[in-house]
Amino acid sequence: MSIHVLARMQGHSSNFIYMGDSQHPPTYLGANRPAGRLPEVKFRILGPVEVCRDTRPIPVAGAQQRALLALMLLNVGQVVPYWDLVDELWPLRGDRVRRNTVHAQITRLRHTISQHFRDVAIYSRSSGYMIEADPNEIDSVVFHQLRRQAGALVEKDPYKAVSLFQQALALWRGTALQDACTGARCRAAAARLDEARVLVQEQMTELYLIHGDPRSIVDDLRELVSLYPLRETLIEQLMKALHLSGRRVEAVTTYLESRRHFQEELGADPSPALQQTYLQILKD
């Protein structure tokens, strides 16, 4: 299932186009004027785990090596304890894994990295392993930086905020750590990153509702709600977009369907805030 989002920001000459689904999150596809050059990164974990040189992917063979790399990148500049690595890669037989088994995987990964980069190194420490690299060359770090910068500009300069949100979303190539979630730590990190991505989507949608044409995002919000049926922010944004587009009956229906879903799945009604939005639409 794909999502095509086209928002024409009033008074702004560029179109901002996003496309995504649960496996392929919204990505910048093109614009009359690009929002800005994306930073080149060496390490990508917002999707399949990749190492890149001059934008060309360098193969990292095997899910275990990708998981090792991902864990160290998530903790760049810090020692990842040996037993954390063991638990991640061999959760069912951790106490039977010898240290030289882990070291062999690290050696292979170190060889892959050292072949291409002189300024990146993987170090052995008494308690574990660490990677030394420029954090600004890791896509997840850049994503959070752009997200924070955009959030700070939402009120002051919403069009610049759109540009930065756009660049942040463009770093995504699929679900986080897509081919490296071998254990609980990577799965938890992937869930946190994916949650941050959806929050950016919600912030972008709020700007569309305020500064753009709400009719242009109704269909896309429907698909987002179908992907995240219990996210009240997306439900409320869909209701508002429908109402602002002159589709009041559909906005009311959206709430009633969501309330039924909440009752079936959670045994509870939506929050008072969502109920208030529903009542306000009824009054208008």
C-alpha atoms as a PDB file:
ATOM      1  CA  MET A   1       0.000   0.000   0.000  1.00  0.00           C
ATOM      2  CA  SER A   2       1.459   3.325  -1.018  1.00  0.00           C
ATOM      3  CA  ILE A   3       0.740   6.818   0.204  1.00  0.00           C
ATOM      4  CA  HIS A   4       1.158   9.803  -2.109  1.00  0.00           C
ATOM      5  CA  VAL A   5       1.038  13.111  -0.292  1.00  0.00           C
ATOM      6  CA  LEU A   6       0.993  16.348  -2.240  1.00  0.00           C
ATOM      7  CA  ALA A   7       0.824  19.578  -0.284  1.00  0.00           C
ATOM      8  CA  ARG A   8       0.907  22.944  -2.056  1.00  0.00           C
ATOM      9  CA  MET A   9       1.975  25.385   0.612  1.00  0.00           C
ATOM     10  CA  GLN A  10       0.188  28.681   0.120  1.00  0.00           C
ATOM     11  CA  GLY A  11       2.537  31.449  -0.935  1.00  0.00           C
ATOM     12  CA  HIS A  12       5.330  28.941  -1.554  1.00  0.00           C
ATOM     13  CA  SER A  13       6.489  27.933  -4.993  1.00  0.00           C
ATOM     14  CA  SER A  14       7.507  24.346  -4.242  1.00  0.00           C
ATOM     15  CA  ASN A  15       5.407  21.230  -4.044  1.00  0.00           C
ATOM     16  CA  PHE A  16       6.281  18.750  -1.321  1.00  0.00           C
ATOM     17  CA  ILE A  17       5.645  15.165  -2.259  1.00  0.00           C
ATOM     18  CA  TYR A  18       5.829  12.180   0.079  1.00  0.00           C
ATOM     19  CA  MET A  19       5.291   8.510  -0.595  1.00  0.00           C
ATOM     20  CA  GLY A  20       5.309   5.641   1.829  1.00  0.00           C
ATOM     21  CA  ASP A  21       3.690   2.811   3.722  1.00  0.00           C
ATOM     22  CA  SER A  22       4.486   0.781   6.834  1.00  0.00           C
ATOM     23  CA  GLN A  23       7.538  -0.690   5.106  1.00  0.00           C
ATOM     24  CA  HIS A  24       8.452   2.349   2.983  1.00  0.00           C
ATOM     25  CA  PRO A  25       7.924   5.540   4.979  1.00  0.00           C
ATOM     26  CA  PRO A  26       7.329   8.929   3.331  1.00  0.00           C
ATOM     27  CA  THR A  27      10.234   9.939   1.139  1.00  0.00           C
ATOM     28  CA  TYR A  28      10.990  13.137  -0.733  1.00  0.00           C
ATOM     29  CA  LEU A  29      10.442  12.397  -4.425  1.00  0.00           C
ATOM     30  CA  GLY A  30      10.862  15.763  -6.064  1.00  0.00           C
ATOM     31  CA  ALA A  31       9.953  19.421  -6.083  1.00  0.00           C
ATOM     32  CA  ASN A  32      10.133  22.454  -8.314  1.00  0.00           C
ATOM     33  CA  ARG A  33      12.992  23.578  -6.109  1.00  0.00           C
ATOM     34  CA  PRO A  34      14.676  21.037  -3.843  1.00  0.00           C
ATOM     35  CA  ALA A  35      14.386  21.733  -0.143  1.00  0.00           C
ATOM     36  CA  GLY A  36      18.127  21.487   0.221  1.00  0.00           C
ATOM     37  CA  ARG A  37      20.953  19.075  -0.460  1.00  0.00           C
ATOM     38  CA  LEU A  38      20.752  16.023   1.729  1.00  0.00           C
ATOM     39  CA  PRO A  39      23.865  15.391   3.793  1.00  0.00           C
ATOM     40  CA  GLU A  40      25.961  12.476   2.621  1.00  0.00           C
ATOM     41  CA  VAL A  41      26.183   9.799   5.280  1.00  0.00           C
ATOM     42  CA  LYS A  42      28.486   6.811   5.581  1.00  0.00           C
ATOM     43  CA  PHE A  43      26.219   4.734   7.759  1.00  0.00           C
ATOM     44  CA  ARG A  44      22.544   4.094   7.151  1.00  0.00           C
ATOM     45  CA  ILE A  45      20.227   2.372   9.600  1.00  0.00           C
ATOM     46  CA  LEU A  46      16.929   4.061   8.638  1.00  0.00           C
ATOM     47  CA  GLY A  47      16.050   1.106   6.454  1.00  0.00           C
ATOM     48  CA  PRO A  48      18.373  -1.774   5.593  1.00  0.00           C
ATOM     49  CA  VAL A  49      21.713  -1.375   7.378  1.00  0.00           C
ATOM     50  CA  GLU A  50      24.251  -0.040   4.892  1.00  0.00           C
ATOM     51  CA  VAL A  51      27.757   1.342   4.746  1.00  0.00           C
ATOM     52  CA  CYS A  52      28.260   3.859   1.950  1.00  0.00           C
ATOM     53  CA  ARG A  53      31.266   5.410   0.284  1.00  0.00           C
ATOM     54  CA  ASP A  54      30.558   8.289  -2.087  1.00  0.00           C
ATOM     55  CA  THR A  55      26.859   7.268  -1.896  1.00  0.00           C
ATOM     56  CA  ARG A  56      27.716   3.751  -3.145  1.00  0.00           C
ATOM     57  CA  PRO A  57      26.637   0.934  -0.801  1.00  0.00           C
ATOM     58  CA  ILE A  58      29.341  -1.353   0.528  1.00  0.00           C
ATOM     59  CA  PRO A  59      28.063  -4.867   1.314  1.00  0.00           C
ATOM     60  CA  VAL A  60      28.005  -5.924   4.964  1.00  0.00           C
ATOM     61  CA  ALA A  61      27.613  -9.664   4.759  1.00  0.00           C
ATOM     62  CA  GLY A  62      25.296 -11.451   7.139  1.00  0.00           C
ATOM     63  CA  ALA A  63      22.578 -10.373   9.551  1.00  0.00           C
ATOM     64  CA  GLN A  64      24.893 -10.833  12.542  1.00  0.00           C
ATOM     65  CA  GLN A  65      27.512  -8.399  11.250  1.00  0.00           C
ATOM     66  CA  ARG A  66      24.783  -5.913  10.359  1.00  0.00           C
ATOM     67  CA  ALA A  67      23.339  -6.235  13.857  1.00  0.00           C
ATOM     68  CA  LEU A  68      26.787  -5.744  15.406  1.00  0.00           C
ATOM     69  CA  LEU A  69      27.330  -2.635  13.312  1.00  0.00           C
ATOM     70  CA  ALA A  70      23.869  -1.296  14.115  1.00  0.00           C
ATOM     71  CA  LEU A  71      24.321  -1.707  17.866  1.00  0.00           C
ATOM     72  CA  MET A  72      27.653   0.093  17.798  1.00  0.00           C
ATOM     73  CA  LEU A  73      26.302   2.893  15.581  1.00  0.00           C
ATOM     74  CA  LEU A  74      23.391   3.376  17.968  1.00  0.00           C
ATOM     75  CA  ASN A  75      26.020   3.866  20.679  1.00  0.00           C
ATOM     76  CA  VAL A  76      28.707   5.576  18.608  1.00  0.00           C
ATOM     77  CA  GLY A  77      31.746   6.548  20.673  1.00  0.00           C
ATOM     78  CA  GLN A  78      30.644   4.344  23.571  1.00  0.00           C
ATOM     79  CA  VAL A  79      31.585   0.811  24.528  1.00  0.00           C
ATOM     80  CA  VAL A  80      28.871  -1.739  23.854  1.00  0.00           C
ATOM     81  CA  PRO A  81      29.271  -4.445  26.518  1.00  0.00           C
ATOM     82  CA  TYR A  82      30.301  -7.863  25.300  1.00  0.00           C
ATOM     83  CA  TRP A  83      27.322  -9.579  26.877  1.00  0.00           C
ATOM     84  CA  ASP A  84      24.916  -7.132  25.215  1.00  0.00           C
ATOM     85  CA  LEU A  85      26.313  -8.208  21.869  1.00  0.00           C
ATOM     86  CA  VAL A  86      26.034 -11.870  22.791  1.00  0.00           C
ATOM     87  CA  ASP A  87      22.441 -11.470  23.973  1.00  0.00           C
ATOM     88  CA  GLU A  88      21.559  -9.679  20.759  1.00  0.00           C
ATOM     89  CA  LEU A  89      23.105 -12.164  18.359  1.00  0.00           C
ATOM     90  CA  TRP A  90      22.651 -15.430  20.241  1.00  0.00           C
ATOM     91  CA  PRO A  91      19.786 -14.842  22.686  1.00  0.00           C
ATOM     92  CA  LEU A  92      19.049 -18.536  23.246  1.00  0.00           C
ATOM     93  CA  ARG A  93      22.583 -19.747  23.834  1.00  0.00           C
ATOM     94  CA  GLY A  94      24.414 -16.715  25.122  1.00  0.00           C
ATOM     95  CA  ASP A  95      26.237 -18.464  27.973  1.00  0.00           C
ATOM     96  CA  ARG A  96      27.618 -21.039  25.515  1.00  0.00           C
ATOM     97  CA  VAL A  97      29.039 -18.472  23.093  1.00  0.00           C
ATOM     98  CA  ARG A  98      32.764 -18.081  23.393  1.00  0.00           C
ATOM     99  CA  ARG A  99      34.427 -14.688  23.271  1.00  0.00           C
ATOM    100  CA  ASN A 100      36.411 -15.631  20.176  1.00  0.00           C
ATOM    101  CA  THR A 101      33.119 -16.238  18.316  1.00  0.00           C
ATOM    102  CA  VAL A 102      32.116 -12.614  18.851  1.00  0.00           C
ATOM    103  CA  HIS A 103      35.637 -11.453  18.093  1.00  0.00           C
ATOM    104  CA  ALA A 104      35.582 -13.320  14.766  1.00  0.00           C
ATOM    105  CA  GLN A 105      32.454 -11.424  13.713  1.00  0.00           C
ATOM    106  CA  ILE A 106      34.012  -8.140  14.838  1.00  0.00           C
ATOM    107  CA  THR A 107      37.195  -8.920  12.888  1.00  0.00           C
ATOM    108  CA  ARG A 108      35.241  -9.474   9.681  1.00  0.00           C
ATOM    109  CA  LEU A 109      33.285  -6.259  10.218  1.00  0.00           C
ATOM    110  CA  ARG A 110      36.445  -4.325  11.054  1.00  0.00           C
ATOM    111  CA  HIS A 111      38.040  -5.565   7.839  1.00  0.00           C
ATOM    112  CA  THR A 112      35.052  -4.370   5.799  1.00  0.00           C
ATOM    113  CA  ILE A 113      35.169  -0.929   7.404  1.00  0.00           C
ATOM    114  CA  SER A 114      38.947  -0.457   7.278  1.00  0.00           C
ATOM    115  CA  GLN A 115      39.058  -1.270   3.568  1.00  0.00           C
ATOM    116  CA  HIS A 116      37.088   1.866   2.793  1.00  0.00           C
ATOM    117  CA  PHE A 117      37.504   4.366   5.631  1.00  0.00           C
ATOM    118  CA  ARG A 118      40.579   5.624   7.435  1.00  0.00           C
ATOM    119  CA  ASP A 119      38.619   7.834   9.811  1.00  0.00           C
ATOM    120  CA  VAL A 120      36.399   5.060  11.180  1.00  0.00           C
ATOM    121  CA  ALA A 121      37.656   2.398  13.557  1.00  0.00           C
ATOM    122  CA  ILE A 122      36.273  -0.406  15.694  1.00  0.00           C
ATOM    123  CA  TYR A 123      38.105  -0.826  18.993  1.00  0.00           C
ATOM    124  CA  SER A 124      38.259  -3.713  21.430  1.00  0.00           C
ATOM    125  CA  ARG A 125      37.936  -2.867  25.108  1.00  0.00           C
ATOM    126  CA  SER A 126      38.063  -5.094  28.161  1.00  0.00           C
ATOM    127  CA  SER A 127      34.294  -4.939  28.558  1.00  0.00           C
ATOM    128  CA  GLY A 128      33.221  -4.882  24.910  1.00  0.00           C
ATOM    129  CA  TYR A 129      33.614  -3.079  21.587  1.00  0.00           C
ATOM    130  CA  MET A 130      33.058   0.432  20.262  1.00  0.00           C
ATOM    131  CA  ILE A 131      33.047   2.246  16.954  1.00  0.00           C
ATOM    132  CA  GLU A 132      34.655   5.650  16.540  1.00  0.00           C
ATOM    133  CA  ALA A 133      33.014   7.631  13.741  1.00  0.00           C
ATOM    134  CA  ASP A 134      31.648  11.085  13.069  1.00  0.00           C
ATOM    135  CA  PRO A 135      28.056  11.023  14.407  1.00  0.00           C
ATOM    136  CA  ASN A 136      27.070  13.432  11.625  1.00  0.00           C
ATOM    137  CA  GLU A 137      27.749  10.647   9.135  1.00  0.00           C
ATOM    138  CA  ILE A 138      25.072   8.367  10.640  1.00  0.00           C
ATOM    139  CA  ASP A 139      21.631   8.868   9.107  1.00  0.00           C
ATOM    140  CA  SER A 140      19.701   8.407  12.361  1.00  0.00           C
ATOM    141  CA  VAL A 141      21.746  11.148  14.033  1.00  0.00           C
ATOM    142  CA  VAL A 142      21.159  13.501  11.100  1.00  0.00           C
ATOM    143  CA  PHE A 143      17.441  12.651  11.136  1.00  0.00           C
ATOM    144  CA  HIS A 144      17.116  13.688  14.778  1.00  0.00           C
ATOM    145  CA  GLN A 145      19.125  16.866  14.164  1.00  0.00           C
ATOM    146  CA  LEU A 146      16.871  17.891  11.263  1.00  0.00           C
ATOM    147  CA  ARG A 147      13.779  16.976  13.239  1.00  0.00           C
ATOM    148  CA  ARG A 148      14.828  19.183  16.155  1.00  0.00           C
ATOM    149  CA  GLN A 149      15.748  22.079  13.863  1.00  0.00           C
ATOM    150  CA  ALA A 150      12.401  21.838  12.093  1.00  0.00           C
ATOM    151  CA  GLY A 151      10.483  21.653  15.356  1.00  0.00           C
ATOM    152  CA  ALA A 152      12.128  24.859  16.542  1.00  0.00           C
ATOM    153  CA  LEU A 153      10.954  26.676  13.387  1.00  0.00           C
ATOM    154  CA  VAL A 154       7.334  25.504  13.226  1.00  0.00           C
ATOM    155  CA  GLU A 155       5.991  28.792  14.612  1.00  0.00           C
ATOM    156  CA  LYS A 156       8.670  31.170  13.352  1.00  0.00           C
ATOM    157  CA  ASP A 157       9.150  29.910   9.799  1.00  0.00           C
ATOM    158  CA  PRO A 158       6.788  27.066   8.867  1.00  0.00           C
ATOM    159  CA  TYR A 159       8.063  26.866   5.282  1.00  0.00           C
ATOM    160  CA  LYS A 160      11.620  26.355   6.450  1.00  0.00           C
ATOM    161  CA  ALA A 161      10.289  23.797   8.914  1.00  0.00           C
ATOM    162  CA  VAL A 162       8.652  21.961   5.997  1.00  0.00           C
ATOM    163  CA  SER A 163      11.964  21.965   4.161  1.00  0.00           C
ATOM    164  CA  LEU A 164      13.788  20.465   7.141  1.00  0.00           C
ATOM    165  CA  PHE A 165      11.073  17.906   7.875  1.00  0.00           C
ATOM    166  CA  GLN A 166      11.257  16.981   4.214  1.00  0.00           C
ATOM    167  CA  GLN A 167      14.992  16.367   4.406  1.00  0.00           C
ATOM    168  CA  ALA A 168      14.579  14.329   7.594  1.00  0.00           C
ATOM    169  CA  LEU A 169      11.988  12.047   5.998  1.00  0.00           C
ATOM    170  CA  ALA A 170      14.088  11.698   2.855  1.00  0.00           C
ATOM    171  CA  LEU A 171      16.728   9.830   4.863  1.00  0.00           C
ATOM    172  CA  TRP A 172      14.358   6.898   5.347  1.00  0.00           C
ATOM    173  CA  ARG A 173      14.517   3.897   3.001  1.00  0.00           C
ATOM    174  CA  GLY A 174      12.244   1.468   4.868  1.00  0.00           C
ATOM    175  CA  THR A 175      11.616   0.455   8.454  1.00  0.00           C
ATOM    176  CA  ALA A 176      14.585   1.127  10.724  1.00  0.00           C
ATOM    177  CA  LEU A 177      17.216  -1.622  10.998  1.00  0.00           C
ATOM    178  CA  GLN A 178      15.158  -3.541   8.492  1.00  0.00           C
ATOM    179  CA  ASP A 179      17.605  -6.409   7.960  1.00  0.00           C
ATOM    180  CA  ALA A 180      19.367  -6.356  11.330  1.00  0.00           C
ATOM    181  CA  CYS A 181      16.672  -6.870  13.958  1.00  0.00           C
ATOM    182  CA  THR A 182      18.062 -10.132  15.264  1.00  0.00           C
ATOM    183  CA  GLY A 183      17.478  -9.394  18.953  1.00  0.00           C
ATOM    184  CA  ALA A 184      15.578  -7.344  21.482  1.00  0.00           C
ATOM    185  CA  ARG A 185      17.902  -4.329  21.529  1.00  0.00           C
ATOM    186  CA  CYS A 186      17.737  -3.723  17.783  1.00  0.00           C
ATOM    187  CA  ARG A 187      13.985  -4.278  17.779  1.00  0.00           C
ATOM    188  CA  ALA A 188      13.532  -1.737  20.578  1.00  0.00           C
ATOM    189  CA  ALA A 189      15.774   0.787  18.820  1.00  0.00           C
ATOM    190  CA  ALA A 190      13.883   0.272  15.557  1.00  0.00           C
ATOM    191  CA  ALA A 191      10.568   0.863  17.324  1.00  0.00           C
ATOM    192  CA  ARG A 192      11.861   4.140  18.819  1.00  0.00           C
ATOM    193  CA  LEU A 193      13.125   5.349  15.457  1.00  0.00           C
ATOM    194  CA  ASP A 194       9.917   4.420  13.663  1.00  0.00           C
ATOM    195  CA  GLU A 195       7.907   6.247  16.337  1.00  0.00           C
ATOM    196  CA  ALA A 196      10.005   9.356  15.735  1.00  0.00           C
ATOM    197  CA  ARG A 197       9.314   9.078  12.000  1.00  0.00           C
ATOM    198  CA  VAL A 198       5.548   8.966  12.556  1.00  0.00           C
ATOM    199  CA  LEU A 199       5.786  11.988  14.850  1.00  0.00           C
ATOM    200  CA  VAL A 200       7.479  13.896  12.041  1.00  0.00           C
ATOM    201  CA  GLN A 201       4.688  12.821   9.695  1.00  0.00           C
ATOM    202  CA  GLU A 202       2.155  14.200  12.181  1.00  0.00           C
ATOM    203  CA  GLN A 203       4.012  17.484  12.538  1.00  0.00           C
ATOM    204  CA  MET A 204       4.194  17.809   8.760  1.00  0.00           C
ATOM    205  CA  THR A 205       0.462  17.144   8.466  1.00  0.00           C
ATOM    206  CA  GLU A 206      -0.289  19.848  11.022  1.00  0.00           C
ATOM    207  CA  LEU A 207       1.589  22.350   8.872  1.00  0.00           C
ATOM    208  CA  TYR A 208      -0.348  21.214   5.819  1.00  0.00           C
ATOM    209  CA  LEU A 209      -3.638  21.781   7.684  1.00  0.00           C
ATOM    210  CA  ILE A 210      -2.636  25.279   8.770  1.00  0.00           C
ATOM    211  CA  HIS A 211      -0.758  26.588   5.741  1.00  0.00           C
ATOM    212  CA  GLY A 212      -1.842  24.400   2.866  1.00  0.00           C
ATOM    213  CA  ASP A 213      -4.882  22.943   1.144  1.00  0.00           C
ATOM    214  CA  PRO A 214      -6.434  20.265   3.409  1.00  0.00           C
ATOM    215  CA  ARG A 215      -8.208  18.689   0.430  1.00  0.00           C
ATOM    216  CA  SER A 216      -4.831  17.577  -0.940  1.00  0.00           C
ATOM    217  CA  ILE A 217      -4.051  15.306   2.014  1.00  0.00           C
ATOM    218  CA  VAL A 218      -7.398  13.672   2.828  1.00  0.00           C
ATOM    219  CA  ASP A 219      -6.776  10.456   0.897  1.00  0.00           C
ATOM    220  CA  ASP A 220      -3.273  10.169   2.268  1.00  0.00           C
ATOM    221  CA  LEU A 221      -4.431  10.665   5.843  1.00  0.00           C
ATOM    222  CA  ARG A 222      -6.994   7.914   5.334  1.00  0.00           C
ATOM    223  CA  GLU A 223      -4.199   5.522   4.448  1.00  0.00           C
ATOM    224  CA  LEU A 224      -2.066   6.670   7.369  1.00  0.00           C
ATOM    225  CA  VAL A 225      -4.987   6.070   9.728  1.00  0.00           C
ATOM    226  CA  SER A 226      -5.436   2.603   8.224  1.00  0.00           C
ATOM    227  CA  LEU A 227      -1.767   1.907   9.013  1.00  0.00           C
ATOM    228  CA  TYR A 228      -1.957   3.394  12.523  1.00  0.00           C
ATOM    229  CA  PRO A 229      -5.650   3.011  13.511  1.00  0.00           C
ATOM    230  CA  LEU A 230      -5.055   3.791  17.197  1.00  0.00           C
ATOM    231  CA  ARG A 231      -3.024   6.985  16.707  1.00  0.00           C
ATOM    232  CA  GLU A 232      -5.408   9.694  17.817  1.00  0.00           C
ATOM    233  CA  THR A 233      -3.360  12.536  16.349  1.00  0.00           C
ATOM    234  CA  LEU A 234      -3.702  11.093  12.840  1.00  0.00           C
ATOM    235  CA  ILE A 235      -7.411  10.411  13.362  1.00  0.00           C
ATOM    236  CA  GLU A 236      -7.968  13.984  14.536  1.00  0.00           C
ATOM    237  CA  GLN A 237      -5.979  15.366  11.603  1.00  0.00           C
ATOM    238  CA  LEU A 238      -8.078  13.322   9.175  1.00  0.00           C
ATOM    239  CA  MET A 239     -11.273  14.588  10.795  1.00  0.00           C
ATOM    240  CA  LYS A 240     -10.065  18.183  10.532  1.00  0.00           C
ATOM    241  CA  ALA A 241      -8.938  17.784   6.929  1.00  0.00           C
ATOM    242  CA  LEU A 242     -12.340  16.360   5.971  1.00  0.00           C
ATOM    243  CA  HIS A 243     -14.211  19.083   7.849  1.00  0.00           C
ATOM    244  CA  LEU A 244     -12.103  21.883   6.341  1.00  0.00           C
ATOM    245  CA  SER A 245     -12.719  20.352   2.910  1.00  0.00           C
ATOM    246  CA  GLY A 246     -16.477  20.636   3.357  1.00  0.00           C
ATOM    247  CA  ARG A 247     -16.921  16.915   4.073  1.00  0.00           C
ATOM    248  CA  ARG A 248     -18.487  17.180   7.516  1.00  0.00           C
ATOM    249  CA  VAL A 249     -20.442  13.922   7.328  1.00  0.00           C
ATOM    250  CA  GLU A 250     -17.270  11.984   6.496  1.00  0.00           C
ATOM    251  CA  ALA A 251     -15.456  13.652   9.391  1.00  0.00           C
ATOM    252  CA  VAL A 252     -18.211  12.535  11.775  1.00  0.00           C
ATOM    253  CA  THR A 253     -18.176   9.031  10.287  1.00  0.00           C
ATOM    254  CA  THR A 254     -14.404   8.849  10.759  1.00  0.00           C
ATOM    255  CA  TYR A 255     -14.811   9.554  14.461  1.00  0.00           C
ATOM    256  CA  LEU A 256     -17.622   7.032  14.906  1.00  0.00           C
ATOM    257  CA  GLU A 257     -15.643   4.318  13.125  1.00  0.00           C
ATOM    258  CA  SER A 258     -12.556   5.089  15.200  1.00  0.00           C
ATOM    259  CA  ARG A 259     -14.548   5.046  18.421  1.00  0.00           C
ATOM    260  CA  ARG A 260     -15.917   1.621  17.534  1.00  0.00           C
ATOM    261  CA  HIS A 261     -12.394   0.408  16.777  1.00  0.00           C
ATOM    262  CA  PHE A 262     -11.109   1.753  20.110  1.00  0.00           C
ATOM    263  CA  GLN A 263     -13.902   0.006  21.966  1.00  0.00           C
ATOM    264  CA  GLU A 264     -13.239  -3.296  20.200  1.00  0.00           C
ATOM    265  CA  GLU A 265      -9.447  -3.179  20.550  1.00  0.00           C
ATOM    266  CA  LEU A 266      -8.957  -1.354  23.859  1.00  0.00           C
ATOM    267  CA  GLY A 267     -12.312  -1.544  25.580  1.00  0.00           C
ATOM    268  CA  ALA A 268     -12.337   2.246  25.919  1.00  0.00           C
ATOM    269  CA  ASP A 269     -13.506   5.383  24.162  1.00  0.00           C
ATOM    270  CA  PRO A 270     -11.145   7.835  22.476  1.00  0.00           C
ATOM    271  CA  SER A 271      -9.542  10.539  24.589  1.00  0.00           C
ATOM    272  CA  PRO A 272     -11.478  13.640  25.708  1.00  0.00           C
ATOM    273  CA  ALA A 273      -9.447  15.728  23.231  1.00  0.00           C
ATOM    274  CA  LEU A 274     -10.602  13.641  20.269  1.00  0.00           C
ATOM    275  CA  GLN A 275     -14.160  13.650  21.579  1.00  0.00           C
ATOM    276  CA  GLN A 276     -13.991  17.449  21.813  1.00  0.00           C
ATOM    277  CA  THR A 277     -12.904  17.715  18.191  1.00  0.00           C
ATOM    278  CA  TYR A 278     -15.866  15.530  17.240  1.00  0.00           C
ATOM    279  CA  LEU A 279     -18.297  17.713  19.204  1.00  0.00           C
ATOM    280  CA  GLN A 280     -16.856  20.873  17.675  1.00  0.00           C
ATOM    281  CA  ILE A 281     -17.381  19.479  14.187  1.00  0.00           C
ATOM    282  CA  LEU A 282     -20.982  18.658  15.069  1.00  0.00           C
ATOM    283  CA  LYS A 283     -21.562  22.257  16.177  1.00  0.00           C
ATOM    284  CA  ASP A 284     -20.071  23.871  13.079  1.00  0.00           C
END
